């Protein structure tokens, strides 16, 4: 892309199927609840604005996958949630990156699966860093330089690098 010199992605959900499975784990219930409530709110707001949209009968306990199965997939032309996750995931496109790119994620992120990053063979110019700890965009911890938010400093350092 003309004018684009560097790109940074922090905790990108490159494999939506694995991310949906991860957020559905019992220890991540609070995150799933948050996202489902937000999606339901948006769904109902959209229905008020566009009353002729087909209604959905939600189960008593709506999961993220159930929402994608009932709303996202049919409304955006996918056969089901699995097809949506497969076709909307960025993982197959990563090998086409040609701009210097830093991807930073954490093994202990509660809903961004780390395994796809570790299994991916990045093209030249793409640096993938999977930190042991960092949670979802936290990257907190003593950095030895008087600060605890090492992720932000790492991004600035990387962006300021010169290719010369």
Protein backbone atom coordinates (compact mmCIF):
# COMPACT_ATOMS: atom_id res chain seq x y z
CA UNK A 1 0.00 0.00 0.00
CA UNK A 2 1.46 3.37 -0.96
CA UNK A 3 2.43 5.44 2.08
CA UNK A 4 2.06 2.56 4.51
CA UNK A 5 5.44 1.90 6.10
CA UNK A 6 4.72 -0.39 9.05
CA UNK A 7 1.76 -2.17 10.64
CA UNK A 8 1.18 -3.36 14.19
CA UNK A 9 -1.57 -5.75 15.24
CA UNK A 10 -2.12 -6.43 18.92
CA UNK A 11 -4.16 -9.48 19.84
CA UNK A 12 -5.84 -9.92 16.45
CA UNK A 13 -8.41 -12.74 16.25
CA UNK A 14 -6.90 -14.51 13.23
CA UNK A 15 -8.77 -17.81 13.74
CA UNK A 16 -12.35 -17.03 14.73
CA UNK A 17 -13.29 -20.68 15.29
CA UNK A 18 -10.54 -21.17 17.86
CA UNK A 19 -11.34 -17.81 19.45
CA UNK A 20 -15.02 -18.74 19.79
CA UNK A 21 -14.04 -22.05 21.40
CA UNK A 22 -11.64 -20.30 23.78
CA UNK A 23 -14.15 -17.69 24.93
CA UNK A 24 -16.69 -20.49 25.54
CA UNK A 25 -14.49 -22.10 28.20
CA UNK A 26 -16.05 -21.91 31.68
CA UNK A 27 -13.23 -19.74 33.09
CA UNK A 28 -13.97 -17.13 30.40
CA UNK A 29 -17.70 -16.84 31.08
CA UNK A 30 -17.47 -13.17 32.09
CA UNK A 31 -15.97 -12.20 28.71
CA UNK A 32 -18.51 -14.21 26.76
CA UNK A 33 -21.33 -12.68 28.80
CA UNK A 34 -20.01 -9.19 28.09
CA UNK A 35 -19.76 -9.75 24.33
CA UNK A 36 -23.11 -11.53 24.05
CA UNK A 37 -24.89 -8.76 25.97
CA UNK A 38 -23.30 -6.15 23.71
CA UNK A 39 -24.29 -8.10 20.57
CA UNK A 40 -27.86 -8.62 21.81
CA UNK A 41 -28.15 -4.92 22.57
CA UNK A 42 -26.95 -4.07 19.04
CA UNK A 43 -29.29 -6.67 17.54
CA UNK A 44 -32.34 -5.30 19.34
CA UNK A 45 -31.37 -1.70 18.49
CA UNK A 46 -31.08 -2.67 14.84
CA UNK A 47 -34.49 -4.37 14.95
CA UNK A 48 -36.03 -1.16 16.28
CA UNK A 49 -34.47 0.80 13.40
CA UNK A 50 -35.30 -1.81 10.74
CA UNK A 51 -38.52 -3.50 11.93
CA UNK A 52 -38.84 -5.82 8.91
CA UNK A 53 -35.67 -7.72 9.82
CA UNK A 54 -36.46 -11.34 10.60
CA UNK A 55 -36.87 -11.99 14.30
CA UNK A 56 -34.78 -14.54 16.13
CA UNK A 57 -35.90 -16.83 18.94
CA UNK A 58 -32.87 -16.88 21.23
CA UNK A 59 -32.26 -19.71 23.68
CA UNK A 60 -32.40 -18.92 27.39
CA UNK A 61 -28.61 -18.83 27.62
CA UNK A 62 -27.12 -17.27 24.50
CA UNK A 63 -23.50 -18.06 23.75
CA UNK A 64 -21.31 -16.23 21.28
CA UNK A 65 -21.44 -19.20 18.93
CA UNK A 66 -25.24 -19.39 19.23
CA UNK A 67 -25.50 -15.70 18.38
CA UNK A 68 -23.28 -16.21 15.34
CA UNK A 69 -25.34 -19.24 14.34
CA UNK A 70 -28.68 -17.43 14.70
CA UNK A 71 -27.83 -13.88 13.64
CA UNK A 72 -24.39 -13.29 12.14
CA UNK A 73 -24.21 -16.22 9.71
CA UNK A 74 -27.71 -16.00 8.18
CA UNK A 75 -27.70 -12.20 7.98
CA UNK A 76 -24.36 -12.03 6.19
CA UNK A 77 -24.77 -14.91 3.75
CA UNK A 78 -23.00 -17.74 5.59
CA UNK A 79 -24.47 -21.22 5.92
CA UNK A 80 -23.64 -21.39 9.62
CA UNK A 81 -21.24 -20.12 12.28
CA UNK A 82 -18.52 -22.56 11.22
CA UNK A 83 -18.52 -21.21 7.65
CA UNK A 84 -18.53 -17.64 8.98
CA UNK A 85 -15.56 -18.35 11.26
CA UNK A 86 -13.66 -20.05 8.45
CA UNK A 87 -14.28 -17.42 5.77
CA UNK A 88 -13.95 -14.34 7.99
CA UNK A 89 -10.70 -15.39 9.68
CA UNK A 90 -7.54 -13.51 8.71
CA UNK A 91 -5.17 -16.47 9.12
CA UNK A 92 -5.23 -17.50 5.43
CA UNK A 93 -4.39 -13.93 4.42
CA UNK A 94 -1.37 -13.43 6.68
CA UNK A 95 1.04 -15.00 4.21
CA UNK A 96 0.18 -12.20 1.77
CA UNK A 97 1.44 -9.42 4.06
CA UNK A 98 4.17 -7.42 2.29
CA UNK A 99 4.50 -4.45 4.65
CA UNK A 100 6.77 -4.81 7.71
CA UNK A 101 4.40 -6.02 10.40
CA UNK A 102 4.59 -6.74 14.12
CA UNK A 103 1.95 -9.04 15.58
CA UNK A 104 1.88 -9.09 19.38
CA UNK A 105 -0.32 -11.46 21.33
CA UNK A 106 -0.25 -13.39 24.60
CA UNK A 107 -0.52 -17.06 25.43
CA UNK A 108 -2.82 -16.27 28.38
CA UNK A 109 -5.25 -14.11 26.38
CA UNK A 110 -8.71 -15.34 27.45
CA UNK A 111 -10.24 -15.18 23.98
CA UNK A 112 -7.52 -14.79 21.33
CA UNK A 113 -6.09 -18.23 20.60
CA UNK A 114 -2.26 -18.22 20.59
CA UNK A 115 -1.77 -21.53 18.74
CA UNK A 116 -2.52 -20.17 15.25
CA UNK A 117 0.29 -17.63 15.70
CA UNK A 118 2.71 -20.33 16.77
CA UNK A 119 1.73 -22.65 13.90
CA UNK A 120 1.97 -19.84 11.32
CA UNK A 121 5.16 -19.42 9.30
CA UNK A 122 5.39 -15.66 8.82
CA UNK A 123 6.61 -14.25 5.52
CA UNK A 124 9.71 -12.04 5.47
CA UNK A 125 9.13 -8.77 7.27
CA UNK A 126 6.44 -10.16 9.56
CA UNK A 127 7.45 -10.54 13.20
CA UNK A 128 5.15 -12.55 15.46
CA UNK A 129 5.68 -12.26 19.21
CA UNK A 130 3.64 -14.53 21.47
CA UNK A 131 4.29 -13.43 25.05
CA UNK A 132 3.82 -15.89 27.88
CA UNK A 133 1.78 -13.31 29.78
CA UNK A 134 -0.15 -10.28 28.68
CA UNK A 135 -3.80 -11.27 28.89
CA UNK A 136 -5.98 -9.44 26.44
CA UNK A 137 -4.00 -6.31 25.55
CA UNK A 138 -2.61 -5.97 29.09
CA UNK A 139 1.08 -6.78 28.75
CA UNK A 140 1.68 -5.70 32.30
CA UNK A 141 4.80 -6.55 34.26
CA UNK A 142 8.01 -4.99 35.45
CA UNK A 143 10.06 -4.04 32.41
CA UNK A 144 13.30 -3.07 34.16
CA UNK A 145 12.99 0.50 32.92
CA UNK A 146 10.62 1.94 35.49
CA UNK A 147 7.36 0.98 33.85
CA UNK A 148 4.97 -1.93 33.80
CA UNK A 149 3.24 -1.51 30.43
CA UNK A 150 5.93 -3.09 28.29
CA UNK A 151 3.64 -3.81 25.34
CA UNK A 152 3.17 -0.15 24.45
CA UNK A 153 6.91 0.49 24.70
CA UNK A 154 7.64 -2.53 22.48
CA UNK A 155 5.23 -1.24 19.82
CA UNK A 156 6.78 2.25 19.84
CA UNK A 157 10.30 0.81 19.61
CA UNK A 158 9.29 -1.41 16.70
CA UNK A 159 7.48 1.37 14.82
CA UNK A 160 10.47 3.68 15.25
CA UNK A 161 12.91 1.10 13.82
CA UNK A 162 14.55 2.06 10.59
CA UNK A 163 14.83 -0.46 7.80
CA UNK A 164 18.18 1.07 6.82
